[in-house]
Amino acid sequence: MTYFIVATSGDTGSSSLEAVRRTKNIDAIVLLPKDRISRVQELQMTTVVSDNCHVIRGEIEFFRPMTILIMGGPVLDCIPHIFSTGW
């Protein structure tokens, strides 16, 4: 299984989910910042019906250390990722 991690401030998350939706052997995990995106953007990500698309809502303070670890650590080399954050 391949995991695709997306830290988003809005548009990147829904685009990424659409790109991998219904693909085999790829799971997309979107880190969704609570109360930092529009309702429309949130719905675009949280209403995707696919077993391989996952959205984690949380506070930016929760995600920041996680994205720093992934971006700057050895994990980055083994997990496909897109970072387009505007927090």
Foldseek 3Di string as FASTA:
>chain_A
DAEEEEEELFDVQLVVCVVCAPPPPYAYEYEYEPPRHDPVRVCSQPVDDGPRYYYDYDHVVVCPVVVCCCVPHPVVVRHHYDYDYDD
